[in-house]
Amino acid sequence: MILHLRLVVTPLFRTGAAIRTPLWAVVEGSDLYVRSAYGQTSHWYQRIRKNPTGSVHVDAFHLAIRAVPVTDPDVISRVNNAYLQKYQHVSYARSIVEPAILSTTLRLEPVSKETTIHT
């Protein structure tokens, strides 16, 4: 099942509008991971590295998160496998496991145990 995840990165635009970015995400073990398909030059990636707080939106669920860079080669390998398995039917899925992209792997950790549900 592919969830439609949107990451909201803070700080917001100078106008106060939120920046919502649709991302490919995978769960490995009990952790949620994302990567920048466009590498370290991606604007959302640069913003979240500068200020690692934001929120994840999946349907009506919102969760405040902190983005933590992943450097452990074993974890990165497992995340690669999770991406390839989850997105195996997407023609450009292999681009998310290219060596230049791996350094953008982030684990999204909840800031608290509480989830906000909007209906």
PDB file of N, CA and C in Angstrom:
ATOM      1  N   MET A   1       0.850  -1.182   0.000  1.00  0.00           N
ATOM      2  CA  MET A   1       0.000   0.000   0.000  1.00  0.00           C
ATOM      3  C   MET A   1       0.894   1.245   0.000  1.00  0.00           C
ATOM      4  N   ILE A   2       0.626   2.171  -0.863  1.00  0.00           N
ATOM      5  CA  ILE A   2       1.395   3.405  -0.942  1.00  0.00           C
ATOM      6  C   ILE A   2       0.579   4.525  -0.308  1.00  0.00           C
ATOM      7  N   LEU A   3       1.133   5.094   0.764  1.00  0.00           N
ATOM      8  CA  LEU A   3       0.484   6.228   1.425  1.00  0.00           C
ATOM      9  C   LEU A   3       0.928   7.510   0.756  1.00  0.00           C
ATOM     10  N   HIS A   4       0.066   8.473   0.740  1.00  0.00           N
ATOM     11  CA  HIS A   4       0.398   9.782   0.187  1.00  0.00           C
ATOM     12  C   HIS A   4       0.836  10.684   1.332  1.00  0.00           C
ATOM     13  N   LEU A   5       2.135  10.799   1.497  1.00  0.00           N
ATOM     14  CA  LEU A   5       2.720  11.558   2.590  1.00  0.00           C
ATOM     15  C   LEU A   5       3.100  12.938   2.100  1.00  0.00           C
ATOM     16  N   ARG A   6       2.782  13.931   2.890  1.00  0.00           N
ATOM     17  CA  ARG A   6       3.234  15.297   2.605  1.00  0.00           C
ATOM     18  C   ARG A   6       4.010  15.774   3.823  1.00  0.00           C
ATOM     19  N   LEU A   7       5.184  16.281   3.566  1.00  0.00           N
ATOM     20  CA  LEU A   7       6.027  16.811   4.624  1.00  0.00           C
ATOM     21  C   LEU A   7       5.888  18.321   4.628  1.00  0.00           C
ATOM     22  N   VAL A   8       5.593  18.883   5.794  1.00  0.00           N
ATOM     23  CA  VAL A   8       5.550  20.333   5.939  1.00  0.00           C
ATOM     24  C   VAL A   8       6.813  20.728   6.688  1.00  0.00           C
ATOM     25  N   VAL A   9       7.651  21.490   6.026  1.00  0.00           N
ATOM     26  CA  VAL A   9       8.929  21.895   6.594  1.00  0.00           C
ATOM     27  C   VAL A   9       8.794  23.286   7.166  1.00  0.00           C
ATOM     28  N   THR A  10       9.284  23.465   8.386  1.00  0.00           N
ATOM     29  CA  THR A  10       9.323  24.785   8.978  1.00  0.00           C
ATOM     30  C   THR A  10      10.765  25.269   8.949  1.00  0.00           C
ATOM     31  N   PRO A  11      11.056  26.538   8.891  1.00  0.00           N
ATOM     32  CA  PRO A  11      10.088  27.616   9.011  1.00  0.00           C
ATOM     33  C   PRO A  11       9.228  27.751   7.757  1.00  0.00           C
ATOM     34  N   LEU A  12       8.163  28.468   7.916  1.00  0.00           N
ATOM     35  CA  LEU A  12       7.231  28.687   6.822  1.00  0.00           C
ATOM     36  C   LEU A  12       7.769  29.764   5.887  1.00  0.00           C
ATOM     37  N   PHE A  13       7.115  29.915   4.739  1.00  0.00           N
ATOM     38  CA  PHE A  13       7.454  31.036   3.861  1.00  0.00           C
ATOM     39  C   PHE A  13       7.368  32.336   4.652  1.00  0.00           C
ATOM     40  N   ARG A  14       8.043  33.356   4.202  1.00  0.00           N
ATOM     41  CA  ARG A  14       7.985  34.655   4.884  1.00  0.00           C
ATOM     42  C   ARG A  14       6.559  35.169   4.999  1.00  0.00           C
ATOM     43  N   THR A  15       5.694  34.744   4.084  1.00  0.00           N
ATOM     44  CA  THR A  15       4.303  35.175   4.112  1.00  0.00           C
ATOM     45  C   THR A  15       3.503  34.446   5.181  1.00  0.00           C
ATOM     46  N   GLY A  16       4.074  33.408   5.777  1.00  0.00           N
ATOM     47  CA  GLY A  16       3.356  32.616   6.769  1.00  0.00           C
ATOM     48  C   GLY A  16       2.729  31.370   6.186  1.00  0.00           C
ATOM     49  N   ALA A  17       2.765  31.224   4.859  1.00  0.00           N
ATOM     50  CA  ALA A  17       2.191  30.042   4.231  1.00  0.00           C
ATOM     51  C   ALA A  17       3.097  28.831   4.442  1.00  0.00           C
ATOM     52  N   ALA A  18       2.500  27.690   4.685  1.00  0.00           N
ATOM     53  CA  ALA A  18       3.262  26.457   4.893  1.00  0.00           C
ATOM     54  C   ALA A  18       3.808  25.950   3.567  1.00  0.00           C
ATOM     55  N   ILE A  19       4.914  25.251   3.647  1.00  0.00           N
ATOM     56  CA  ILE A  19       5.522  24.632   2.481  1.00  0.00           C
ATOM     57  C   ILE A  19       5.224  23.141   2.562  1.00  0.00           C
ATOM     58  N   ARG A  20       4.364  22.653   1.688  1.00  0.00           N
ATOM     59  CA  ARG A  20       4.011  21.232   1.683  1.00  0.00           C
ATOM     60  C   ARG A  20       4.670  20.565   0.497  1.00  0.00           C
ATOM     61  N   THR A  21       5.396  19.502   0.780  1.00  0.00           N
ATOM     62  CA  THR A  21       6.133  18.799  -0.256  1.00  0.00           C
ATOM     63  C   THR A  21       5.735  17.334  -0.262  1.00  0.00           C
ATOM     64  N   PRO A  22       5.191  16.821  -1.362  1.00  0.00           N
ATOM     65  CA  PRO A  22       4.897  15.388  -1.417  1.00  0.00           C
ATOM     66  C   PRO A  22       6.209  14.607  -1.531  1.00  0.00           C
ATOM     67  N   LEU A  23       6.340  13.568  -0.734  1.00  0.00           N
ATOM     68  CA  LEU A  23       7.554  12.765  -0.718  1.00  0.00           C
ATOM     69  C   LEU A  23       7.242  11.284  -0.798  1.00  0.00           C
ATOM     70  N   TRP A  24       8.200  10.536  -1.313  1.00  0.00           N
ATOM     71  CA  TRP A  24       8.148   9.086  -1.216  1.00  0.00           C
ATOM     72  C   TRP A  24       8.715   8.721   0.139  1.00  0.00           C
ATOM     73  N   ALA A  25       8.001   7.924   0.884  1.00  0.00           N
ATOM     74  CA  ALA A  25       8.450   7.529   2.214  1.00  0.00           C
ATOM     75  C   ALA A  25       8.344   6.023   2.358  1.00  0.00           C
ATOM     76  N   VAL A  26       9.182   5.478   3.219  1.00  0.00           N
ATOM     77  CA  VAL A  26       9.117   4.053   3.523  1.00  0.00           C
ATOM     78  C   VAL A  26       9.226   3.862   5.026  1.00  0.00           C
ATOM     79  N   VAL A  27       8.683   2.741   5.476  1.00  0.00           N
ATOM     80  CA  VAL A  27       8.836   2.333   6.862  1.00  0.00           C
ATOM     81  C   VAL A  27       9.781   1.148   6.874  1.00  0.00           C
ATOM     82  N   GLU A  28      10.812   1.250   7.689  1.00  0.00           N
ATOM     83  CA  GLU A  28      11.756   0.160   7.888  1.00  0.00           C
ATOM     84  C   GLU A  28      11.786  -0.108   9.380  1.00  0.00           C
ATOM     85  N   GLY A  29      11.436  -1.328   9.780  1.00  0.00           N
ATOM     86  CA  GLY A  29      11.260  -1.603  11.204  1.00  0.00           C
ATOM     87  C   GLY A  29      10.071  -0.793  11.680  1.00  0.00           C
ATOM     88  N   SER A  30      10.282   0.058  12.645  1.00  0.00           N
ATOM     89  CA  SER A  30       9.196   0.929  13.122  1.00  0.00           C
ATOM     90  C   SER A  30       9.492   2.397  12.836  1.00  0.00           C
ATOM     91  N   ASP A  31      10.456   2.646  11.955  1.00  0.00           N
ATOM     92  CA  ASP A  31      10.860   4.015  11.656  1.00  0.00           C
ATOM     93  C   ASP A  31      10.429   4.446  10.260  1.00  0.00           C
ATOM     94  N   LEU A  32      10.127   5.741  10.124  1.00  0.00           N
ATOM     95  CA  LEU A  32       9.719   6.339   8.855  1.00  0.00           C
ATOM     96  C   LEU A  32      10.918   7.065   8.250  1.00  0.00           C
ATOM     97  N   TYR A  33      11.175   6.808   6.965  1.00  0.00           N
ATOM     98  CA  TYR A  33      12.313   7.404   6.269  1.00  0.00           C
ATOM     99  C   TYR A  33      11.861   8.115   5.000  1.00  0.00           C
ATOM    100  N   VAL A  34      12.577   9.188   4.669  1.00  0.00           N
ATOM    101  CA  VAL A  34      12.393   9.901   3.410  1.00  0.00           C
ATOM    102  C   VAL A  34      13.759  10.201   2.825  1.00  0.00           C
ATOM    103  N   ARG A  35      13.758  10.499   1.530  1.00  0.00           N
ATOM    104  CA  ARG A  35      14.968  10.918   0.826  1.00  0.00           C
ATOM    105  C   ARG A  35      14.594  11.994  -0.174  1.00  0.00           C
ATOM    106  N   SER A  36      15.607  12.746  -0.556  1.00  0.00           N
ATOM    107  CA  SER A  36      15.424  13.718  -1.618  1.00  0.00           C
ATOM    108  C   SER A  36      15.808  13.068  -2.937  1.00  0.00           C
ATOM    109  N   ALA A  37      14.849  12.880  -3.816  1.00  0.00           N
ATOM    110  CA  ALA A  37      15.120  12.267  -5.124  1.00  0.00           C
ATOM    111  C   ALA A  37      16.014  13.154  -5.980  1.00  0.00           C
ATOM    112  N   TYR A  38      16.131  14.428  -5.619  1.00  0.00           N
ATOM    113  CA  TYR A  38      16.955  15.370  -6.384  1.00  0.00           C
ATOM    114  C   TYR A  38      18.255  15.711  -5.663  1.00  0.00           C
ATOM    115  N   GLY A  39      18.596  14.929  -4.636  1.00  0.00           N
ATOM    116  CA  GLY A  39      19.856  15.133  -3.943  1.00  0.00           C
ATOM    117  C   GLY A  39      19.827  16.299  -2.978  1.00  0.00           C
ATOM    118  N   GLN A  40      21.009  16.710  -2.575  1.00  0.00           N
ATOM    119  CA  GLN A  40      21.149  17.727  -1.545  1.00  0.00           C
ATOM    120  C   GLN A  40      20.787  19.131  -2.013  1.00  0.00           C
ATOM    121  N   THR A  41      20.576  19.313  -3.301  1.00  0.00           N
ATOM    122  CA  THR A  41      20.213  20.645  -3.799  1.00  0.00           C
ATOM    123  C   THR A  41      18.712  20.915  -3.741  1.00  0.00           C
ATOM    124  N   SER A  42      17.928  19.911  -3.403  1.00  0.00           N
ATOM    125  CA  SER A  42      16.478  20.079  -3.300  1.00  0.00           C
ATOM    126  C   SER A  42      16.153  21.104  -2.210  1.00  0.00           C
ATOM    127  N   HIS A  43      15.225  22.000  -2.499  1.00  0.00           N
ATOM    128  CA  HIS A  43      14.891  23.066  -1.554  1.00  0.00           C
ATOM    129  C   HIS A  43      14.327  22.534  -0.250  1.00  0.00           C
ATOM    130  N   TRP A  44      13.404  21.554  -0.316  1.00  0.00           N
ATOM    131  CA  TRP A  44      12.836  21.032   0.937  1.00  0.00           C
ATOM    132  C   TRP A  44      13.929  20.396   1.781  1.00  0.00           C
ATOM    133  N   TYR A  45      14.857  19.701   1.140  1.00  0.00           N
ATOM    134  CA  TYR A  45      15.932  19.033   1.864  1.00  0.00           C
ATOM    135  C   TYR A  45      16.844  20.069   2.542  1.00  0.00           C
ATOM    136  N   GLN A  46      17.180  21.118   1.830  1.00  0.00           N
ATOM    137  CA  GLN A  46      18.022  22.168   2.415  1.00  0.00           C
ATOM    138  C   GLN A  46      17.330  22.830   3.609  1.00  0.00           C
ATOM    139  N   ARG A  47      16.009  23.065   3.485  1.00  0.00           N
ATOM    140  CA  ARG A  47      15.274  23.694   4.581  1.00  0.00           C
ATOM    141  C   ARG A  47      15.224  22.800   5.815  1.00  0.00           C
ATOM    142  N   ILE A  48      14.974  21.507   5.620  1.00  0.00           N
ATOM    143  CA  ILE A  48      14.835  20.632   6.784  1.00  0.00           C
ATOM    144  C   ILE A  48      16.188  20.329   7.421  1.00  0.00           C
ATOM    145  N   ARG A  49      17.251  20.426   6.650  1.00  0.00           N
ATOM    146  CA  ARG A  49      18.587  20.255   7.243  1.00  0.00           C
ATOM    147  C   ARG A  49      18.968  21.494   8.061  1.00  0.00           C
ATOM    148  N   LYS A  50      18.519  22.638   7.615  1.00  0.00           N
ATOM    149  CA  LYS A  50      18.805  23.887   8.340  1.00  0.00           C
ATOM    150  C   LYS A  50      18.001  23.948   9.636  1.00  0.00           C
ATOM    151  N   ASN A  51      16.745  23.547   9.576  1.00  0.00           N
ATOM    152  CA  ASN A  51      15.873  23.502  10.743  1.00  0.00           C
ATOM    153  C   ASN A  51      15.123  22.174  10.687  1.00  0.00           C
ATOM    154  N   PRO A  52      15.555  21.166  11.465  1.00  0.00           N
ATOM    155  CA  PRO A  52      15.048  19.801  11.286  1.00  0.00           C
ATOM    156  C   PRO A  52      13.658  19.521  11.850  1.00  0.00           C
ATOM    157  N   THR A  53      12.844  20.547  12.011  1.00  0.00           N
ATOM    158  CA  THR A  53      11.490  20.309  12.500  1.00  0.00           C
ATOM    159  C   THR A  53      10.490  20.501  11.376  1.00  0.00           C
ATOM    160  N   GLY A  54       9.363  19.843  11.522  1.00  0.00           N
ATOM    161  CA  GLY A  54       8.304  19.957  10.528  1.00  0.00           C
ATOM    162  C   GLY A  54       7.138  19.102  10.952  1.00  0.00           C
ATOM    163  N   SER A  55       6.317  18.731  10.010  1.00  0.00           N
ATOM    164  CA  SER A  55       5.221  17.817  10.311  1.00  0.00           C
ATOM    165  C   SER A  55       4.931  16.963   9.085  1.00  0.00           C
ATOM    166  N   VAL A  56       4.401  15.794   9.368  1.00  0.00           N
ATOM    167  CA  VAL A  56       4.025  14.847   8.332  1.00  0.00           C
ATOM    168  C   VAL A  56       2.507  14.823   8.273  1.00  0.00           C
ATOM    169  N   HIS A  57       1.975  14.864   7.065  1.00  0.00           N
ATOM    170  CA  HIS A  57       0.531  14.819   6.855  1.00  0.00           C
ATOM    171  C   HIS A  57       0.210  13.622   5.971  1.00  0.00           C
ATOM    172  N   VAL A  58      -0.601  12.715   6.483  1.00  0.00           N
ATOM    173  CA  VAL A  58      -1.090  11.579   5.712  1.00  0.00           C
ATOM    174  C   VAL A  58      -2.594  11.561   5.913  1.00  0.00           C
ATOM    175  N   ASP A  59      -3.310  11.875   4.855  1.00  0.00           N
ATOM    176  CA  ASP A  59      -4.763  12.002   4.945  1.00  0.00           C
ATOM    177  C   ASP A  59      -5.102  12.994   6.063  1.00  0.00           C
ATOM    178  N   ALA A  60      -5.859  12.571   7.080  1.00  0.00           N
ATOM    179  CA  ALA A  60      -6.273  13.477   8.154  1.00  0.00           C
ATOM    180  C   ALA A  60      -5.317  13.460   9.346  1.00  0.00           C
ATOM    181  N   PHE A  61      -4.246  12.692   9.286  1.00  0.00           N
ATOM    182  CA  PHE A  61      -3.315  12.583  10.395  1.00  0.00           C
ATOM    183  C   PHE A  61      -2.149  13.547  10.210  1.00  0.00           C
ATOM    184  N   HIS A  62      -1.833  14.265  11.272  1.00  0.00           N
ATOM    185  CA  HIS A  62      -0.699  15.188  11.263  1.00  0.00           C
ATOM    186  C   HIS A  62       0.189  14.832  12.450  1.00  0.00           C
ATOM    187  N   LEU A  63       1.483  14.783  12.209  1.00  0.00           N
ATOM    188  CA  LEU A  63       2.426  14.422  13.261  1.00  0.00           C
ATOM    189  C   LEU A  63       3.625  15.357  13.204  1.00  0.00           C
ATOM    190  N   ALA A  64       3.918  16.027  14.313  1.00  0.00           N
ATOM    191  CA  ALA A  64       5.114  16.870  14.398  1.00  0.00           C
ATOM    192  C   ALA A  64       6.337  15.957  14.426  1.00  0.00           C
ATOM    193  N   ILE A  65       7.342  16.299  13.607  1.00  0.00           N
ATOM    194  CA  ILE A  65       8.522  15.442  13.487  1.00  0.00           C
ATOM    195  C   ILE A  65       9.813  16.233  13.615  1.00  0.00           C
ATOM    196  N   ARG A  66      10.871  15.487  13.852  1.00  0.00           N
ATOM    197  CA  ARG A  66      12.243  15.983  13.775  1.00  0.00           C
ATOM    198  C   ARG A  66      12.951  15.073  12.781  1.00  0.00           C
ATOM    199  N   ALA A  67      13.651  15.663  11.804  1.00  0.00           N
ATOM    200  CA  ALA A  67      14.369  14.903  10.782  1.00  0.00           C
ATOM    201  C   ALA A  67      15.800  14.648  11.252  1.00  0.00           C
ATOM    202  N   VAL A  68      16.185  13.377  11.250  1.00  0.00           N
ATOM    203  CA  VAL A  68      17.508  12.977  11.718  1.00  0.00           C
ATOM    204  C   VAL A  68      18.265  12.336  10.555  1.00  0.00           C
ATOM    205  N   PRO A  69      19.434  12.872  10.187  1.00  0.00           N
ATOM    206  CA  PRO A  69      20.216  12.271   9.100  1.00  0.00           C
ATOM    207  C   PRO A  69      20.646  10.846   9.455  1.00  0.00           C
ATOM    208  N   VAL A  70      20.633   9.984   8.458  1.00  0.00           N
ATOM    209  CA  VAL A  70      21.037   8.590   8.648  1.00  0.00           C
ATOM    210  C   VAL A  70      22.366   8.371   7.937  1.00  0.00           C
ATOM    211  N   THR A  71      23.334   7.857   8.673  1.00  0.00           N
ATOM    212  CA  THR A  71      24.653   7.603   8.086  1.00  0.00           C
ATOM    213  C   THR A  71      25.062   6.138   8.184  1.00  0.00           C
ATOM    214  N   ASP A  72      24.345   5.349   8.955  1.00  0.00           N
ATOM    215  CA  ASP A  72      24.681   3.940   9.141  1.00  0.00           C
ATOM    216  C   ASP A  72      24.454   3.181   7.833  1.00  0.00           C
ATOM    217  N   PRO A  73      25.503   2.579   7.245  1.00  0.00           N
ATOM    218  CA  PRO A  73      25.368   1.893   5.955  1.00  0.00           C
ATOM    219  C   PRO A  73      24.359   0.739   5.980  1.00  0.00           C
ATOM    220  N   ASP A  74      24.240   0.048   7.116  1.00  0.00           N
ATOM    221  CA  ASP A  74      23.279  -1.060   7.204  1.00  0.00           C
ATOM    222  C   ASP A  74      21.846  -0.546   7.149  1.00  0.00           C
ATOM    223  N   VAL A  75      21.584   0.551   7.845  1.00  0.00           N
ATOM    224  CA  VAL A  75      20.236   1.145   7.816  1.00  0.00           C
ATOM    225  C   VAL A  75      19.938   1.655   6.406  1.00  0.00           C
ATOM    226  N   ILE A  76      20.893   2.328   5.799  1.00  0.00           N
ATOM    227  CA  ILE A  76      20.693   2.846   4.436  1.00  0.00           C
ATOM    228  C   ILE A  76      20.408   1.706   3.472  1.00  0.00           C
ATOM    229  N   SER A  77      21.088   0.586   3.621  1.00  0.00           N
ATOM    230  CA  SER A  77      20.846  -0.574   2.763  1.00  0.00           C
ATOM    231  C   SER A  77      19.431  -1.115   2.961  1.00  0.00           C
ATOM    232  N   ARG A  78      18.977  -1.190   4.211  1.00  0.00           N
ATOM    233  CA  ARG A  78      17.615  -1.672   4.469  1.00  0.00           C
ATOM    234  C   ARG A  78      16.571  -0.690   3.913  1.00  0.00           C
ATOM    235  N   VAL A  79      16.866   0.608   4.018  1.00  0.00           N
ATOM    236  CA  VAL A  79      15.954   1.620   3.463  1.00  0.00           C
ATOM    237  C   VAL A  79      15.921   1.491   1.938  1.00  0.00           C
ATOM    238  N   ASN A  80      17.075   1.255   1.305  1.00  0.00           N
ATOM    239  CA  ASN A  80      17.105   1.009  -0.144  1.00  0.00           C
ATOM    240  C   ASN A  80      16.161  -0.127  -0.511  1.00  0.00           C
ATOM    241  N   ASN A  81      16.291  -1.240   0.196  1.00  0.00           N
ATOM    242  CA  ASN A  81      15.439  -2.406  -0.092  1.00  0.00           C
ATOM    243  C   ASN A  81      13.967  -2.077   0.101  1.00  0.00           C
ATOM    244  N   ALA A  82      13.658  -1.304   1.134  1.00  0.00           N
ATOM    245  CA  ALA A  82      12.262  -0.924   1.374  1.00  0.00           C
ATOM    246  C   ALA A  82      11.724  -0.064   0.236  1.00  0.00           C
ATOM    247  N   TYR A  83      12.542   0.891  -0.251  1.00  0.00           N
ATOM    248  CA  TYR A  83      12.115   1.713  -1.391  1.00  0.00           C
ATOM    249  C   TYR A  83      11.881   0.856  -2.631  1.00  0.00           C
ATOM    250  N   LEU A  84      12.824  -0.036  -2.928  1.00  0.00           N
ATOM    251  CA  LEU A  84      12.690  -0.861  -4.138  1.00  0.00           C
ATOM    252  C   LEU A  84      11.502  -1.799  -4.061  1.00  0.00           C
ATOM    253  N   GLN A  85      11.224  -2.317  -2.877  1.00  0.00           N
ATOM    254  CA  GLN A  85      10.066  -3.191  -2.728  1.00  0.00           C
ATOM    255  C   GLN A  85       8.754  -2.408  -2.830  1.00  0.00           C
ATOM    256  N   LYS A  86       8.676  -1.295  -2.130  1.00  0.00           N
ATOM    257  CA  LYS A  86       7.429  -0.520  -2.104  1.00  0.00           C
ATOM    258  C   LYS A  86       7.088   0.078  -3.463  1.00  0.00           C
ATOM    259  N   TYR A  87       8.096   0.586  -4.159  1.00  0.00           N
ATOM    260  CA  TYR A  87       7.861   1.300  -5.411  1.00  0.00           C
ATOM    261  C   TYR A  87       8.303   0.492  -6.626  1.00  0.00           C
ATOM    262  N   GLN A  88       8.289  -0.826  -6.524  1.00  0.00           N
ATOM    263  CA  GLN A  88       8.784  -1.683  -7.598  1.00  0.00           C
ATOM    264  C   GLN A  88       8.047  -1.496  -8.915  1.00  0.00           C
ATOM    265  N   HIS A  89       6.818  -1.053  -8.894  1.00  0.00           N
ATOM    266  CA  HIS A  89       6.042  -0.891 -10.125  1.00  0.00           C
ATOM    267  C   HIS A  89       6.130   0.531 -10.700  1.00  0.00           C
ATOM    268  N   VAL A  90       6.951   1.375 -10.081  1.00  0.00           N
ATOM    269  CA  VAL A  90       7.139   2.737 -10.569  1.00  0.00           C
ATOM    270  C   VAL A  90       8.409   2.752 -11.412  1.00  0.00           C
ATOM    271  N   SER A  91       8.302   3.196 -12.645  1.00  0.00           N
ATOM    272  CA  SER A  91       9.409   3.071 -13.599  1.00  0.00           C
ATOM    273  C   SER A  91      10.692   3.771 -13.162  1.00  0.00           C
ATOM    274  N   TYR A  92      10.598   4.854 -12.429  1.00  0.00           N
ATOM    275  CA  TYR A  92      11.797   5.589 -12.041  1.00  0.00           C
ATOM    276  C   TYR A  92      12.180   5.354 -10.577  1.00  0.00           C
ATOM    277  N   ALA A  93      11.721   4.252  -9.979  1.00  0.00           N
ATOM    278  CA  ALA A  93      12.000   3.967  -8.568  1.00  0.00           C
ATOM    279  C   ALA A  93      13.484   3.785  -8.282  1.00  0.00           C
ATOM    280  N   ARG A  94      14.237   3.279  -9.234  1.00  0.00           N
ATOM    281  CA  ARG A  94      15.664   3.049  -8.989  1.00  0.00           C
ATOM    282  C   ARG A  94      16.421   4.354  -8.748  1.00  0.00           C
ATOM    283  N   SER A  95      15.870   5.479  -9.192  1.00  0.00           N
ATOM    284  CA  SER A  95      16.564   6.752  -8.991  1.00  0.00           C
ATOM    285  C   SER A  95      16.691   7.102  -7.510  1.00  0.00           C
ATOM    286  N   ILE A  96      15.802   6.602  -6.673  1.00  0.00           N
ATOM    287  CA  ILE A  96      15.825   6.934  -5.250  1.00  0.00           C
ATOM    288  C   ILE A  96      16.889   6.140  -4.488  1.00  0.00           C
ATOM    289  N   VAL A  97      17.518   5.154  -5.156  1.00  0.00           N
ATOM    290  CA  VAL A  97      18.576   4.377  -4.503  1.00  0.00           C
ATOM    291  C   VAL A  97      19.929   4.586  -5.184  1.00  0.00           C
ATOM    292  N   GLU A  98      20.032   5.631  -5.999  1.00  0.00           N
ATOM    293  CA  GLU A  98      21.311   5.959  -6.626  1.00  0.00           C
ATOM    294  C   GLU A  98      22.302   6.426  -5.554  1.00  0.00           C
ATOM    295  N   PRO A  99      23.587   6.112  -5.717  1.00  0.00           N
ATOM    296  CA  PRO A  99      24.587   6.487  -4.700  1.00  0.00           C
ATOM    297  C   PRO A  99      24.577   7.972  -4.322  1.00  0.00           C
ATOM    298  N   ALA A 100      24.351   8.866  -5.256  1.00  0.00           N
ATOM    299  CA  ALA A 100      24.359  10.307  -4.957  1.00  0.00           C
ATOM    300  C   ALA A 100      23.189  10.723  -4.068  1.00  0.00           C
ATOM    301  N   ILE A 101      22.151   9.905  -3.991  1.00  0.00           N
ATOM    302  CA  ILE A 101      20.938  10.230  -3.236  1.00  0.00           C
ATOM    303  C   ILE A 101      21.004   9.718  -1.798  1.00  0.00           C
ATOM    304  N   LEU A 102      21.790   8.678  -1.569  1.00  0.00           N
ATOM    305  CA  LEU A 102      21.778   7.983  -0.277  1.00  0.00           C
ATOM    306  C   LEU A 102      22.092   8.886   0.909  1.00  0.00           C
ATOM    307  N   SER A 103      22.926   9.893   0.699  1.00  0.00           N
ATOM    308  CA  SER A 103      23.291  10.793   1.801  1.00  0.00           C
ATOM    309  C   SER A 103      22.137  11.681   2.242  1.00  0.00           C
ATOM    310  N   THR A 104      21.038  11.679   1.503  1.00  0.00           N
ATOM    311  CA  THR A 104      19.878  12.498   1.879  1.00  0.00           C
ATOM    312  C   THR A 104      18.855  11.703   2.690  1.00  0.00           C
ATOM    313  N   THR A 105      19.208  10.503   3.105  1.00  0.00           N
ATOM    314  CA  THR A 105      18.284   9.676   3.888  1.00  0.00           C
ATOM    315  C   THR A 105      18.048  10.319   5.255  1.00  0.00           C
ATOM    316  N   LEU A 106      16.778  10.505   5.589  1.00  0.00           N
ATOM    317  CA  LEU A 106      16.385  11.100   6.869  1.00  0.00           C
ATOM    318  C   LEU A 106      15.379  10.190   7.567  1.00  0.00           C
ATOM    319  N   ARG A 107      15.573  10.009   8.862  1.00  0.00           N
ATOM    320  CA  ARG A 107      14.575   9.318   9.687  1.00  0.00           C
ATOM    321  C   ARG A 107      13.691  10.396  10.296  1.00  0.00           C
ATOM    322  N   LEU A 108      12.392  10.254  10.162  1.00  0.00           N
ATOM    323  CA  LEU A 108      11.452  11.234  10.711  1.00  0.00           C
ATOM    324  C   LEU A 108      10.946  10.716  12.051  1.00  0.00           C
ATOM    325  N   GLU A 109      11.408  11.357  13.111  1.00  0.00           N
ATOM    326  CA  GLU A 109      11.047  10.934  14.460  1.00  0.00           C
ATOM    327  C   GLU A 109       9.941  11.827  15.007  1.00  0.00           C
ATOM    328  N   PRO A 110       8.953  11.231  15.677  1.00  0.00           N
ATOM    329  CA  PRO A 110       7.900  12.054  16.282  1.00  0.00           C
ATOM    330  C   PRO A 110       8.469  12.941  17.382  1.00  0.00           C
ATOM    331  N   VAL A 111       8.002  14.179  17.440  1.00  0.00           N
ATOM    332  CA  VAL A 111       8.414  15.087  18.501  1.00  0.00           C
ATOM    333  C   VAL A 111       7.763  14.669  19.813  1.00  0.00           C
ATOM    334  N   SER A 112       6.528  14.169  19.730  1.00  0.00           N
ATOM    335  CA  SER A 112       5.823  13.662  20.914  1.00  0.00           C
ATOM    336  C   SER A 112       4.989  12.467  20.486  1.00  0.00           C
ATOM    337  N   LYS A 113       4.362  11.841  21.423  1.00  0.00           N
ATOM    338  CA  LYS A 113       3.530  10.660  21.146  1.00  0.00           C
ATOM    339  C   LYS A 113       2.139  11.030  20.623  1.00  0.00           C
ATOM    340  N   GLU A 114       1.804  12.312  20.646  1.00  0.00           N
ATOM    341  CA  GLU A 114       0.463  12.739  20.255  1.00  0.00           C
ATOM    342  C   GLU A 114       0.379  13.025  18.758  1.00  0.00           C
ATOM    343  N   THR A 115      -0.668  12.562  18.135  1.00  0.00           N
ATOM    344  CA  THR A 115      -0.936  12.794  16.732  1.00  0.00           C
ATOM    345  C   THR A 115      -2.164  13.677  16.616  1.00  0.00           C
ATOM    346  N   THR A 116      -2.142  14.633  15.729  1.00  0.00           N
ATOM    347  CA  THR A 116      -3.287  15.507  15.503  1.00  0.00           C
ATOM    348  C   THR A 116      -4.100  14.946  14.344  1.00  0.00           C
ATOM    349  N   ILE A 117      -5.393  14.802  14.538  1.00  0.00           N
ATOM    350  CA  ILE A 117      -6.277  14.322  13.480  1.00  0.00           C
ATOM    351  C   ILE A 117      -7.234  15.432  13.108  1.00  0.00           C
ATOM    352  N   HIS A 118      -7.219  15.789  11.821  1.00  0.00           N
ATOM    353  CA  HIS A 118      -8.126  16.814  11.309  1.00  0.00           C
ATOM    354  C   HIS A 118      -9.163  16.138  10.418  1.00  0.00           C
ATOM    355  N   THR A 119     -10.417  16.482  10.596  1.00  0.00           N
ATOM    356  CA  THR A 119     -11.453  15.897   9.736  1.00  0.00           C
ATOM    357  C   THR A 119     -12.113  16.964   8.916  1.00  0.00           C
TER     358      THR A 119
END
